[in-house]
């Protein structure tokens, strides 16, 4: 009995409407469907109760009318049966009214399935109980047909409820009447069942239940399909909103142009590049891109030719007219969009305003020309003359009243000036174009050893003690060996230049998994916090530098080189505690 009770409770119980509302927002599709079906059952039960009340009331009014104005079809019934029939109808009316009241309560909201069975059995069992008490069986074929058909029509969900409703009354009719040996009050057919009666009831119930089952499945399939459609629409709306946001807020101009030279779509960024306030102005005003946009109309033909040839055009740079007549540079990246048959529909792509870059490149060319011709070439010429004098020996010195030591210092000064000029040109080139790397897997200890060997004279001159802790068992780094040599050389020379003689330098490198952590440490005078914050800036020089002939380019170039390798660089220091420069490098064998 315990298991049966739990099954019955589970079968008939359902969540409240408040619970359903919460579940509906946060649960799965299955739970949402069950909540929808529960609500549908509760709403349709209300309609069915109204119908049952009205239907039963009409039969009750018929019986009342028959008392005062006898009907021919009821003349064969005795007055006692007519009275009993009226009482049964009134009893069923009362039970329906009670069900109707319960429907509005929390009980009705929570358990509409139980209310469904209660209202159904209150109609069917009332007459059966009365007949049993009177000692006969009542095959109420008409009443059962109306009940089962109306339930299947108005409440076509949870076919198991319909089966229970039918099985309950039929089990009572066939079971109780058979056990008590009761007969029907019909003289011609006193038996409680016959083949025709059983076949009629069987197929009537099967048809009603099958209709409910199929309708329920159809509703569920439609619900899931609608949910999927709504989910798809929501995803489309999200995707559309995302791409609309990208389209509207993109820095680059986005466009679609027709093969005949019109703009089909344009985003706000493109309108700004062309000097317009709104994208609609671009699509409205540009009807001949070839002649309205390009300073050189042949660029449009070249644009089309490249797309036809390669399917895409990239970094296509041209000068164009803006709305106010000014000329700017743009770079286009576009491709052709075609239909399934290969017919060209339109061109689609991005446009970037590169005017500032072009101006910077032009300024850089002027800068290089000025530095090369006005500074580098004269210093180079002077250096060549001085070196020639030194190489020709004492014969040349007799004609020039200058000692060899002075000439040597002059040559060193010229070489230092050339190095400064070359560094200056390289710094500005990297600022505009970035550091160009020739990457390859290299062993870090070989680069360090090479840098130390090349700096041996300056190390001896400044009585510097250098401890190299970089071992040969470190993993390979994916780097440009020449550029890394410059980093180690610059950091070592920088430490020597900014500290007194007899400095102690320590070089180390540690494997940290994905990167190698490199350090160049000294025990020198250290660097203040204020200075360390500007240390890697272009042209920054530390005030205590003993050799003031410097432009502050070494550390700046170190940062450019390390950043180009995908690493980081920094410095830890304080006054009178020495300085430690550190940088990281990605490990070659573990690169993604």
Protein backbone atom coordinates (compact mmCIF):
# COMPACT_ATOMS: atom_id res chain seq x y z
CA UNK A 1 0.00 0.00 0.00
CA UNK A 2 2.94 2.37 0.68
CA UNK A 3 4.28 2.06 -2.88
CA UNK A 4 0.82 2.42 -4.36
CA UNK A 5 0.21 5.53 -2.27
CA UNK A 6 3.50 7.12 -3.34
CA UNK A 7 2.79 6.30 -6.98
CA UNK A 8 -0.70 7.77 -6.71
CA UNK A 9 0.63 10.92 -5.02
CA UNK A 10 3.28 11.33 -7.69
CA UNK A 11 0.78 10.71 -10.46
CA UNK A 12 -1.82 13.20 -9.28
CA UNK A 13 0.35 15.91 -7.70
CA UNK A 14 1.77 18.82 -9.64
CA UNK A 15 3.62 22.04 -8.76
CA UNK A 16 1.75 25.22 -7.90
CA UNK A 17 1.43 27.97 -10.44
CA UNK A 18 4.01 30.05 -8.56
CA UNK A 19 6.44 27.14 -8.65
CA UNK A 20 5.64 26.65 -12.32
CA UNK A 21 6.49 30.28 -13.01
CA UNK A 22 9.90 29.87 -11.40
CA UNK A 23 10.55 26.59 -13.17
CA UNK A 24 9.38 28.03 -16.47
CA UNK A 25 12.08 30.66 -16.36
CA UNK A 26 15.00 28.49 -15.33
CA UNK A 27 14.28 24.85 -16.13
CA UNK A 28 14.76 22.59 -19.07
CA UNK A 29 12.42 22.23 -22.03
CA UNK A 30 10.89 19.13 -20.53
CA UNK A 31 9.99 20.91 -17.32
CA UNK A 32 8.63 23.83 -19.28
CA UNK A 33 6.45 21.48 -21.30
CA UNK A 34 5.12 19.79 -18.16
CA UNK A 35 4.36 23.19 -16.66
CA UNK A 36 2.53 24.25 -19.82
CA UNK A 37 0.52 21.03 -19.90
CA UNK A 38 -0.34 21.40 -16.21
CA UNK A 39 -1.61 24.93 -16.81
CA UNK A 40 -3.56 23.78 -19.88
CA UNK A 41 -5.20 20.98 -17.85
CA UNK A 42 -6.21 23.39 -15.09
CA UNK A 43 -7.66 25.94 -17.54
CA UNK A 44 -9.54 23.37 -19.64
CA UNK A 45 -10.90 21.67 -16.52
CA UNK A 46 -12.54 24.96 -15.61
CA UNK A 47 -14.23 25.10 -19.00
CA UNK A 48 -15.30 21.46 -18.80
CA UNK A 49 -16.83 21.92 -15.33
CA UNK A 50 -18.93 24.77 -16.69
CA UNK A 51 -20.05 22.58 -19.58
CA UNK A 52 -20.83 19.63 -17.27
CA UNK A 53 -22.83 21.87 -14.94
CA UNK A 54 -24.88 23.31 -17.78
CA UNK A 55 -25.39 19.88 -19.38
CA UNK A 56 -26.47 18.25 -16.11
CA UNK A 57 -28.68 21.23 -15.31
CA UNK A 58 -30.55 20.77 -18.58
CA UNK A 59 -31.30 17.15 -17.74
CA UNK A 60 -32.36 18.18 -14.22
CA UNK A 61 -34.70 20.80 -15.64
CA UNK A 62 -36.09 18.13 -17.96
CA UNK A 63 -36.92 15.94 -14.96
CA UNK A 64 -38.55 18.85 -13.13
CA UNK A 65 -40.53 19.74 -16.23
CA UNK A 66 -41.67 16.10 -16.50
CA UNK A 67 -43.21 16.28 -13.04
CA UNK A 68 -45.55 19.04 -14.10
CA UNK A 69 -45.86 18.30 -17.79
CA UNK A 70 -45.27 14.58 -18.37
CA UNK A 71 -43.14 13.74 -21.36
CA UNK A 72 -44.12 10.87 -23.63
CA UNK A 73 -40.61 9.36 -23.68
CA UNK A 74 -40.68 9.05 -19.87
CA UNK A 75 -44.23 7.70 -19.49
CA UNK A 76 -43.01 4.09 -18.97
CA UNK A 77 -40.97 5.12 -15.88
CA UNK A 78 -42.67 4.89 -12.53
CA UNK A 79 -43.05 8.06 -10.41
CA UNK A 80 -40.59 6.56 -7.92
CA UNK A 81 -37.86 6.16 -10.56
CA UNK A 82 -38.51 9.69 -11.80
CA UNK A 83 -38.08 11.03 -8.28
CA UNK A 84 -34.95 8.98 -7.73
CA UNK A 85 -33.55 10.23 -11.07
CA UNK A 86 -34.13 13.81 -10.02
CA UNK A 87 -32.38 13.19 -6.70
CA UNK A 88 -29.41 11.61 -8.50
CA UNK A 89 -29.14 14.62 -10.83
CA UNK A 90 -29.26 17.01 -7.91
CA UNK A 91 -26.58 15.01 -6.12
CA UNK A 92 -24.35 15.14 -9.20
CA UNK A 93 -25.00 18.87 -9.53
CA UNK A 94 -23.91 19.34 -5.93
CA UNK A 95 -20.72 17.34 -6.48
CA UNK A 96 -19.89 19.41 -9.61
CA UNK A 97 -20.45 22.64 -7.68
CA UNK A 98 -18.05 21.39 -5.01
CA UNK A 99 -15.47 20.52 -7.71
CA UNK A 100 -16.01 23.93 -9.27
CA UNK A 101 -15.30 25.63 -5.92
CA UNK A 102 -12.23 23.46 -5.30
CA UNK A 103 -10.93 24.38 -8.76
CA UNK A 104 -10.40 27.95 -7.57
CA UNK A 105 -8.51 26.92 -4.42
CA UNK A 106 -4.82 26.13 -3.93
CA UNK A 107 -5.75 22.46 -3.97
CA UNK A 108 -7.24 22.85 -7.43
CA UNK A 109 -4.20 24.75 -8.66
CA UNK A 110 -1.82 22.17 -7.28
CA UNK A 111 -3.70 18.97 -8.20
CA UNK A 112 -5.93 19.47 -11.23
CA UNK A 113 -5.44 15.79 -12.11
CA UNK A 114 -7.09 14.69 -8.86
CA UNK A 115 -9.90 17.18 -9.43
CA UNK A 116 -10.35 15.78 -12.95
CA UNK A 117 -10.86 12.26 -11.60
CA UNK A 118 -13.02 13.46 -8.73
CA UNK A 119 -15.42 15.37 -10.98
CA UNK A 120 -15.53 12.48 -13.48
CA UNK A 121 -16.26 9.82 -10.86
CA UNK A 122 -18.74 12.03 -9.03
CA UNK A 123 -20.88 12.01 -12.17
CA UNK A 124 -20.53 8.35 -13.12
CA UNK A 125 -20.48 6.71 -9.68
CA UNK A 126 -23.41 8.64 -8.22
CA UNK A 127 -25.94 6.85 -10.42
CA UNK A 128 -24.14 3.52 -10.01
CA UNK A 129 -24.17 3.74 -6.20
CA UNK A 130 -27.85 4.62 -6.25
CA UNK A 131 -28.61 1.66 -8.55
CA UNK A 132 -26.61 -0.72 -6.36
CA UNK A 133 -28.53 0.40 -3.33
CA UNK A 134 -31.78 -0.26 -5.20
CA UNK A 135 -30.61 -3.72 -6.20
CA UNK A 136 -30.05 -3.43 -9.93
CA UNK A 137 -27.28 -2.61 -12.43
CA UNK A 138 -27.44 0.58 -14.48
CA UNK A 139 -25.64 0.47 -17.90
CA UNK A 140 -25.57 4.25 -18.41
CA UNK A 141 -24.33 4.11 -22.01
CA UNK A 142 -25.54 7.61 -22.89
CA UNK A 143 -24.08 9.23 -19.78
CA UNK A 144 -20.71 7.55 -20.15
CA UNK A 145 -20.49 8.42 -23.86
CA UNK A 146 -21.23 12.10 -23.20
CA UNK A 147 -18.74 12.18 -20.32
CA UNK A 148 -15.83 10.47 -22.09
CA UNK A 149 -16.36 12.38 -25.34
CA UNK A 150 -16.59 15.77 -23.63
CA UNK A 151 -13.45 15.09 -21.60
CA UNK A 152 -11.49 14.01 -24.68
CA UNK A 153 -12.70 17.08 -26.57
CA UNK A 154 -12.14 19.75 -23.94
CA UNK A 155 -9.23 18.26 -21.95
CA UNK A 156 -7.06 16.46 -24.56
CA UNK A 157 -3.96 16.05 -22.33
CA UNK A 158 -2.63 13.34 -19.97
CA UNK A 159 -4.32 10.37 -21.59
CA UNK A 160 -3.57 8.31 -18.48
CA UNK A 161 -6.09 10.41 -16.54
CA UNK A 162 -8.75 9.58 -19.12
CA UNK A 163 -7.93 5.87 -18.89
CA UNK A 164 -8.18 5.98 -15.08
CA UNK A 165 -11.51 7.78 -15.28
CA UNK A 166 -12.89 5.14 -17.62
CA UNK A 167 -11.37 2.13 -15.86
CA UNK A 168 -12.75 3.33 -12.52
CA UNK A 169 -16.40 3.37 -13.58
CA UNK A 170 -16.15 0.24 -15.75
CA UNK A 171 -14.40 -1.70 -12.98
CA UNK A 172 -17.19 -0.74 -10.59
CA UNK A 173 -19.94 -1.59 -13.09
CA UNK A 174 -18.59 -4.98 -14.12
CA UNK A 175 -16.91 -5.90 -10.82
CA UNK A 176 -19.49 -4.88 -8.19
CA UNK A 177 -22.55 -5.89 -10.22
CA UNK A 178 -21.05 -9.28 -11.04
CA UNK A 179 -20.02 -9.88 -7.43
CA UNK A 180 -23.52 -8.99 -6.18
CA UNK A 181 -25.28 -10.88 -9.01
CA UNK A 182 -27.32 -7.81 -10.02
CA UNK A 183 -29.32 -7.55 -13.25
CA UNK A 184 -30.40 -4.59 -15.35
CA UNK A 185 -34.02 -3.29 -15.02
CA UNK A 186 -34.49 -3.89 -18.76
CA UNK A 187 -36.67 -7.01 -19.24
CA UNK A 188 -35.40 -7.72 -22.73
CA UNK A 189 -31.70 -7.47 -21.68
CA UNK A 190 -31.33 -8.28 -17.98
CA UNK A 191 -27.62 -9.27 -18.24
CA UNK A 192 -25.11 -6.60 -17.23
CA UNK A 193 -23.09 -7.03 -20.41
CA UNK A 194 -23.28 -8.43 -23.91
CA UNK A 195 -20.90 -8.49 -26.87
CA UNK A 196 -22.35 -5.43 -28.58
CA UNK A 197 -22.28 -3.39 -25.35
CA UNK A 198 -18.69 -4.39 -24.57
CA UNK A 199 -17.47 -3.67 -28.13
CA UNK A 200 -19.18 -0.28 -28.12
CA UNK A 201 -17.72 0.77 -24.76
CA UNK A 202 -14.28 -0.64 -25.62
CA UNK A 203 -13.92 1.13 -28.94
CA UNK A 204 -15.51 4.34 -27.72
CA UNK A 205 -12.94 4.53 -24.91
CA UNK A 206 -10.06 3.54 -27.22
CA UNK A 207 -11.01 6.21 -29.78
CA UNK A 208 -11.29 8.91 -27.08
CA UNK A 209 -7.99 7.92 -25.43
CA UNK A 210 -6.16 7.60 -28.73
CA UNK A 211 -7.37 11.04 -29.76
CA UNK A 212 -6.13 12.49 -26.47
CA UNK A 213 -2.78 10.71 -26.81
CA UNK A 214 -2.19 11.90 -30.39
CA UNK A 215 -3.26 15.45 -29.60
CA UNK A 216 -0.98 15.49 -26.56
CA UNK A 217 1.97 14.29 -28.64
CA UNK A 218 1.19 16.83 -31.34
CA UNK A 219 1.07 19.62 -28.76
CA UNK A 220 4.35 18.47 -27.24
CA UNK A 221 6.06 18.29 -30.62
CA UNK A 222 4.74 21.71 -31.52
CA UNK A 223 5.90 23.08 -28.17
CA UNK A 224 9.43 21.72 -28.61
CA UNK A 225 9.53 22.95 -32.19
CA UNK A 226 8.41 26.39 -31.06
CA UNK A 227 10.99 26.37 -28.28
CA UNK A 228 13.71 25.45 -30.73
CA UNK A 229 12.54 28.14 -33.10
CA UNK A 230 12.47 30.73 -30.33
CA UNK A 231 15.92 29.61 -29.20
CA UNK A 232 17.16 29.90 -32.77
CA UNK A 233 15.59 33.33 -33.12
CA UNK A 234 17.19 34.43 -29.85
CA UNK A 235 20.58 33.20 -31.02
CA UNK A 236 20.07 34.97 -34.31
CA UNK A 237 19.08 38.14 -32.51
CA UNK A 238 22.14 37.90 -30.28
CA UNK A 239 24.38 37.23 -33.26
CA UNK A 240 22.75 40.03 -35.23
CA UNK A 241 23.14 42.42 -32.29
CA UNK A 242 26.77 41.39 -31.89
CA UNK A 243 27.62 41.83 -35.54
CA UNK A 244 25.53 44.99 -35.72
CA UNK A 245 27.55 46.33 -32.80
CA UNK A 246 30.78 45.36 -34.55
CA UNK A 247 29.51 46.95 -37.76
CA UNK A 248 28.40 50.16 -36.06
CA UNK A 249 31.36 50.56 -33.67
CA UNK A 250 34.22 49.29 -35.81
CA UNK A 251 37.21 51.60 -36.20
CA UNK A 252 37.71 50.47 -39.79
CA UNK A 253 35.24 51.34 -42.50
CA UNK A 254 33.07 48.41 -43.58
CA UNK A 255 31.43 48.45 -46.99
CA UNK A 256 29.65 46.57 -49.72
CA UNK A 257 29.92 47.95 -53.24
CA UNK A 258 28.25 46.86 -56.45
CA UNK A 259 30.18 45.87 -59.58
CA UNK A 260 28.89 49.03 -61.32
CA UNK A 261 30.53 51.28 -58.71
CA UNK A 262 27.88 52.08 -56.09
CA UNK A 263 28.06 51.67 -52.33
CA UNK A 264 25.36 49.29 -51.12
CA UNK A 265 26.13 49.49 -47.40
CA UNK A 266 28.51 51.53 -45.27
CA UNK A 267 29.15 51.78 -41.55
CA UNK A 268 29.67 54.98 -39.50
CA UNK A 269 33.46 54.60 -39.55
CA UNK A 270 33.49 54.66 -43.36
CA UNK A 271 31.28 57.74 -43.34
CA UNK A 272 33.76 59.49 -41.02
CA UNK A 273 36.73 58.52 -43.22
CA UNK A 274 34.95 60.00 -46.24
CA UNK A 275 33.95 63.13 -44.31
CA UNK A 276 30.23 62.40 -43.94
CA UNK A 277 28.06 62.41 -40.82
CA UNK A 278 25.87 59.40 -41.63
CA UNK A 279 26.38 56.12 -43.53
CA UNK A 280 23.23 56.83 -45.56
CA UNK A 281 24.99 59.80 -47.12
CA UNK A 282 27.72 57.51 -48.45
CA UNK A 283 25.27 55.11 -50.12
CA UNK A 284 23.23 57.99 -51.49
CA UNK A 285 26.06 60.13 -52.89
CA UNK A 286 28.50 57.58 -54.31
CA UNK A 287 27.07 56.33 -57.58
CA UNK A 288 30.40 56.24 -59.49
CA UNK A 289 33.19 55.17 -57.13
CA UNK A 290 35.78 55.15 -59.90
CA UNK A 291 35.53 58.88 -60.59
CA UNK A 292 33.98 60.24 -57.38
CA UNK A 293 36.32 58.57 -54.88
CA UNK A 294 39.77 57.84 -56.27
CA UNK A 295 42.23 60.62 -57.06
CA UNK A 296 43.53 58.29 -59.76
CA UNK A 297 40.41 56.73 -61.37
CA UNK A 298 42.53 53.83 -62.66
CA UNK A 299 42.75 52.51 -59.09
CA UNK A 300 39.19 51.19 -59.27
CA UNK A 301 40.01 49.15 -62.36
CA UNK A 302 43.14 47.83 -60.64
CA UNK A 303 41.05 46.99 -57.55
CA UNK A 304 38.62 44.96 -59.68
CA UNK A 305 41.44 43.29 -61.63
CA UNK A 306 43.20 42.08 -58.48
CA UNK A 307 39.99 40.65 -57.02
CA UNK A 308 39.19 38.87 -60.27
CA UNK A 309 42.72 37.51 -60.35
CA UNK A 310 43.22 36.46 -56.72
CA UNK A 311 39.70 36.47 -55.28
CA UNK A 312 40.83 38.97 -52.64
CA UNK A 313 42.73 42.22 -52.42
CA UNK A 314 44.74 43.24 -49.36
CA UNK A 315 46.62 46.41 -48.42
CA UNK A 316 45.38 48.13 -51.53
CA UNK A 317 46.55 51.69 -50.90
CA UNK A 318 45.12 54.67 -52.76
CA UNK A 319 44.55 58.40 -52.43
CA UNK A 320 40.88 59.45 -52.29
CA UNK A 321 38.82 62.61 -52.13
CA UNK A 322 36.90 63.37 -48.96
CA UNK A 323 33.61 65.25 -48.97
CA UNK A 324 35.35 68.63 -48.45
CA UNK A 325 37.73 67.98 -51.34
CA UNK A 326 40.76 67.15 -49.18
CA UNK A 327 42.89 64.14 -50.10
CA UNK A 328 43.67 61.28 -47.73
CA UNK A 329 45.25 57.83 -47.99
CA UNK A 330 43.23 54.65 -47.48
CA UNK A 331 44.09 50.94 -47.41
CA UNK A 332 41.45 48.49 -48.67
CA UNK A 333 40.99 44.79 -47.95
CA UNK A 334 38.12 43.22 -49.88
CA UNK A 335 36.83 40.11 -51.63
CA UNK A 336 34.13 39.20 -54.13
CA UNK A 337 30.81 37.73 -53.00
CA UNK A 338 29.20 35.41 -55.53
CA UNK A 339 26.03 33.31 -55.71
CA UNK A 340 25.91 29.53 -56.07
CA UNK A 341 26.27 29.83 -59.85
CA UNK A 342 29.42 31.97 -59.46
CA UNK A 343 27.75 35.22 -60.50
CA UNK A 344 29.33 38.29 -58.91
CA UNK A 345 26.94 39.95 -56.46
CA UNK A 346 29.05 42.61 -54.79
CA UNK A 347 32.42 43.45 -53.23
CA UNK A 348 32.76 43.42 -49.47
CA UNK A 349 35.60 44.57 -47.27
CA UNK A 350 37.34 46.98 -44.90
CA UNK A 351 38.83 50.43 -45.40
CA UNK A 352 41.41 51.99 -43.08
CA UNK A 353 42.56 55.60 -43.03
CA UNK A 354 46.36 55.41 -43.29
CA UNK A 355 47.01 59.11 -43.82
CA UNK A 356 48.95 59.51 -40.56
CA UNK A 357 51.04 56.45 -41.34
CA UNK A 358 51.87 57.78 -44.78
CA UNK A 359 52.79 61.14 -43.27
CA UNK A 360 54.99 59.40 -40.69
CA UNK A 361 56.69 57.36 -43.41
CA UNK A 362 57.35 60.48 -45.41
CA UNK A 363 58.67 62.27 -42.33
CA UNK A 364 60.89 59.26 -41.62
CA UNK A 365 62.29 59.32 -45.15
CA UNK A 366 63.11 63.02 -44.75
CA UNK A 367 64.64 62.28 -41.36
CA UNK A 368 66.81 59.47 -42.73
CA UNK A 369 67.88 61.63 -45.65
CA UNK A 370 68.83 64.49 -43.34
CA UNK A 371 70.67 62.28 -40.85
CA UNK A 372 72.43 60.29 -43.54
CA UNK A 373 73.57 63.23 -45.68
CA UNK A 374 73.91 66.03 -43.15
CA UNK A 375 75.34 64.04 -40.21
CA UNK A 376 76.44 60.54 -41.05
CA UNK A 377 78.26 61.13 -44.32
CA UNK A 378 80.42 64.02 -43.02
CA UNK A 379 81.37 62.12 -39.87
CA UNK A 380 82.11 59.02 -41.94
CA UNK A 381 84.32 61.03 -44.25
CA UNK A 382 86.22 62.57 -41.35
CA UNK A 383 86.70 59.14 -39.78
CA UNK A 384 88.08 57.74 -43.03
CA UNK A 385 90.60 60.60 -43.35
CA UNK A 386 91.76 60.20 -39.75
CA UNK A 387 92.16 56.44 -40.08
CA UNK A 388 94.11 56.95 -43.32
CA UNK A 389 96.50 59.32 -41.55
CA UNK A 390 97.08 56.78 -38.80
CA UNK A 391 97.67 53.96 -41.27
CA UNK A 392 100.21 55.93 -43.41
CA UNK A 393 102.71 56.19 -40.53
CA UNK A 394 105.25 58.77 -39.47
CA UNK A 395 105.66 60.26 -42.96
CA UNK A 396 102.23 61.90 -42.78
CA UNK A 397 102.73 63.09 -39.19
CA UNK A 398 105.77 65.15 -40.21
CA UNK A 399 103.57 67.39 -42.34
CA UNK A 400 100.80 67.70 -39.69
CA UNK A 401 101.63 69.08 -36.23
CA UNK A 402 99.29 66.62 -34.41
CA UNK A 403 100.41 63.73 -32.24
CA UNK A 404 99.35 60.15 -32.90
CA UNK A 405 97.48 59.96 -29.57
CA UNK A 406 95.36 62.95 -30.52
CA UNK A 407 94.53 61.36 -33.89
CA UNK A 408 93.56 58.12 -32.13
CA UNK A 409 91.23 60.02 -29.80
CA UNK A 410 89.74 61.81 -32.82
CA UNK A 411 89.12 58.44 -34.55
CA UNK A 412 87.47 57.07 -31.39
CA UNK A 413 85.28 60.16 -31.19
CA UNK A 414 84.25 59.78 -34.84
CA UNK A 415 83.44 56.10 -34.35
CA UNK A 416 81.36 56.97 -31.27
CA UNK A 417 79.46 59.60 -33.25
CA UNK A 418 78.80 57.11 -36.06
CA UNK A 419 77.46 54.60 -33.53
CA UNK A 420 75.17 57.24 -32.06
CA UNK A 421 73.88 58.25 -35.49
CA UNK A 422 73.31 54.62 -36.50
CA UNK A 423 71.47 53.95 -33.23
CA UNK A 424 69.37 57.07 -33.72
CA UNK A 425 68.35 55.95 -37.22
CA UNK A 426 67.59 52.43 -36.01
CA UNK A 427 65.50 53.69 -33.09
CA UNK A 428 63.30 55.78 -35.35
CA UNK A 429 63.02 52.97 -37.89
CA UNK A 430 61.84 50.57 -35.17
CA UNK A 431 59.38 53.18 -33.90
CA UNK A 432 57.64 53.27 -37.29
CA UNK A 433 58.16 49.78 -38.71
CA UNK A 434 58.92 47.72 -35.62
CA UNK A 435 61.88 45.42 -34.99
CA UNK A 436 62.43 42.90 -37.80
CA UNK A 437 63.40 39.50 -36.41
CA UNK A 438 65.13 36.56 -38.05
CA UNK A 439 63.92 33.88 -35.64
CA UNK A 440 65.53 30.51 -35.19
CA UNK A 441 65.95 28.05 -32.29
CA UNK A 442 69.14 29.09 -30.49
CA UNK A 443 71.03 28.19 -27.32
CA UNK A 444 71.04 31.14 -24.96
CA UNK A 445 74.43 30.40 -23.39
CA UNK A 446 76.20 30.72 -26.76
CA UNK A 447 74.75 34.23 -27.26
CA UNK A 448 75.82 35.25 -23.75
CA UNK A 449 79.32 33.90 -24.18
CA UNK A 450 79.65 35.72 -27.51
CA UNK A 451 78.56 39.01 -25.97
CA UNK A 452 81.01 38.59 -23.06
CA UNK A 453 83.89 37.80 -25.44
CA UNK A 454 83.17 40.89 -27.57
CA UNK A 455 83.05 43.09 -24.45
CA UNK A 456 86.26 41.72 -22.92
CA UNK A 457 88.26 44.98 -23.54
CA UNK A 458 85.71 47.22 -21.82
CA UNK A 459 85.39 44.73 -18.94
CA UNK A 460 89.19 44.80 -18.37
CA UNK A 461 89.37 48.55 -18.80
CA UNK A 462 86.80 49.10 -16.04
CA UNK A 463 88.11 46.25 -13.86
CA UNK A 464 84.65 44.61 -13.97
CA UNK A 465 84.14 41.16 -12.47
CA UNK A 466 81.54 39.22 -14.50
CA UNK A 467 79.97 35.99 -13.22
CA UNK A 468 78.16 33.98 -15.93
CA UNK A 469 75.58 31.55 -14.48
CA UNK A 470 73.84 30.88 -17.81
CA UNK A 471 74.18 27.13 -18.36
CA UNK A 472 74.18 25.07 -21.56
CA UNK A 473 71.29 22.82 -20.48
CA UNK A 474 68.61 25.47 -20.91
CA UNK A 475 65.87 24.82 -23.49
CA UNK A 476 66.15 26.43 -26.92
CA UNK A 477 64.64 29.89 -27.39
CA UNK A 478 62.91 30.97 -30.58
CA UNK A 479 64.80 34.19 -31.18
CA UNK A 480 66.97 36.33 -33.40
CA UNK A 481 70.53 35.65 -32.15
CA UNK A 482 71.90 38.98 -33.37
CA UNK A 483 69.19 41.00 -31.67
CA UNK A 484 69.57 39.04 -28.41
CA UNK A 485 73.32 39.62 -28.55
CA UNK A 486 72.54 43.34 -28.66
CA UNK A 487 70.27 43.09 -25.61
CA UNK A 488 72.91 41.38 -23.45
CA UNK A 489 75.62 43.73 -24.75
CA UNK A 490 73.55 46.86 -24.10
CA UNK A 491 72.61 45.77 -20.57
CA UNK A 492 76.24 44.92 -19.67
CA UNK A 493 77.61 48.16 -21.14
CA UNK A 494 74.81 50.16 -19.50
CA UNK A 495 75.76 48.77 -16.08
CA UNK A 496 79.45 49.56 -16.62
CA UNK A 497 78.78 53.12 -17.84
CA UNK A 498 76.58 54.08 -14.89
CA UNK A 499 78.71 52.65 -12.06
CA UNK A 500 82.23 53.16 -10.68
CA UNK A 501 85.08 50.79 -11.63
CA UNK A 502 85.51 47.36 -10.02
CA UNK A 503 81.82 46.56 -10.52
CA UNK A 504 80.55 43.01 -10.03
CA UNK A 505 78.11 41.76 -12.69
CA UNK A 506 76.09 38.54 -12.55
CA UNK A 507 74.30 37.02 -15.56
CA UNK A 508 71.71 34.31 -15.02
CA UNK A 509 68.85 32.54 -16.83
CA UNK A 510 66.17 30.29 -15.27
CA UNK A 511 63.73 27.91 -16.99
CA UNK A 512 60.21 28.87 -15.79
CA UNK A 513 58.22 26.44 -17.93
CA UNK A 514 56.95 28.43 -20.87
CA UNK A 515 59.63 31.12 -20.72
CA UNK A 516 63.23 31.67 -19.71
CA UNK A 517 63.76 34.39 -17.11
CA UNK A 518 67.03 36.24 -17.75
CA UNK A 519 68.76 38.67 -15.36
CA UNK A 520 71.74 41.05 -15.49
CA UNK A 521 72.53 42.13 -11.91
CA UNK A 522 75.15 44.50 -10.49
CA UNK A 523 76.21 45.69 -7.06
CA UNK A 524 76.47 49.31 -8.13
CA UNK A 525 74.92 52.58 -7.00
CA UNK A 526 71.41 51.57 -7.97
CA UNK A 527 68.63 53.62 -9.58
CA UNK A 528 65.93 55.68 -7.90
CA UNK A 529 62.25 54.80 -8.25
CA UNK A 530 61.61 58.02 -10.18
CA UNK A 531 64.32 57.21 -12.69
CA UNK A 532 63.32 53.55 -13.06
CA UNK A 533 59.83 54.54 -14.22
CA UNK A 534 61.32 56.30 -17.28
CA UNK A 535 64.27 54.02 -17.84
CA UNK A 536 63.09 52.41 -21.09
CA UNK A 537 61.74 55.61 -22.67
CA UNK A 538 63.26 56.97 -25.84
CA UNK A 539 66.12 59.47 -25.19
CA UNK A 540 66.01 59.06 -21.40
CA UNK A 541 69.43 59.31 -19.75
CA UNK A 542 70.37 58.75 -16.11
CA UNK A 543 71.88 61.83 -14.52
CA UNK A 544 74.91 60.16 -12.84
CA UNK A 545 76.31 58.83 -16.15
CA UNK A 546 80.08 59.20 -16.17
CA UNK A 547 80.15 59.12 -19.97
CA UNK A 548 77.62 61.77 -21.05
CA UNK A 549 78.01 61.11 -24.80
CA UNK A 550 74.78 59.12 -25.05
CA UNK A 551 71.31 59.63 -26.54
CA UNK A 552 69.49 57.21 -24.23
CA UNK A 553 68.75 54.67 -26.97
CA UNK A 554 70.24 51.44 -25.59
CA UNK A 555 67.54 50.46 -23.10
CA UNK A 556 64.81 51.70 -25.43
CA UNK A 557 66.06 49.36 -28.16
CA UNK A 558 66.32 46.50 -25.63
CA UNK A 559 62.65 46.92 -24.81
CA UNK A 560 61.72 47.02 -28.51
CA UNK A 561 63.68 43.82 -29.18
CA UNK A 562 62.28 41.87 -26.21
CA UNK A 563 58.71 42.96 -26.95
CA UNK A 564 59.14 41.88 -30.56
CA UNK A 565 60.10 38.42 -29.27
CA UNK A 566 56.88 38.24 -27.25
CA UNK A 567 58.64 38.76 -23.91
CA UNK A 568 58.71 41.39 -21.17
CA UNK A 569 61.52 43.50 -19.73
CA UNK A 570 61.89 45.42 -16.50
CA UNK A 571 64.24 46.51 -13.71
CA UNK A 572 64.36 46.07 -9.93
CA UNK A 573 66.51 48.47 -7.98
CA UNK A 574 66.89 51.08 -5.29
CA UNK A 575 69.54 53.61 -4.34
CA UNK A 576 72.78 52.03 -3.05
CA UNK A 577 71.47 48.46 -3.50
CA UNK A 578 72.52 47.73 -7.07
CA UNK A 579 70.24 47.05 -10.02
CA UNK A 580 68.81 43.95 -11.66
CA UNK A 581 67.57 44.12 -15.24
CA UNK A 582 65.34 41.19 -16.20
CA UNK A 583 63.58 39.99 -19.33
CA UNK A 584 61.67 36.90 -20.48
CA UNK A 585 61.91 34.86 -23.69
CA UNK A 586 59.49 32.17 -24.99
CA UNK A 587 60.91 28.64 -25.10
CA UNK A 588 61.08 27.25 -28.64
CA UNK A 589 59.97 23.66 -28.01
CA UNK A 590 56.94 24.77 -25.95
CA UNK A 591 55.58 27.46 -28.23
CA UNK A 592 51.82 27.15 -29.12
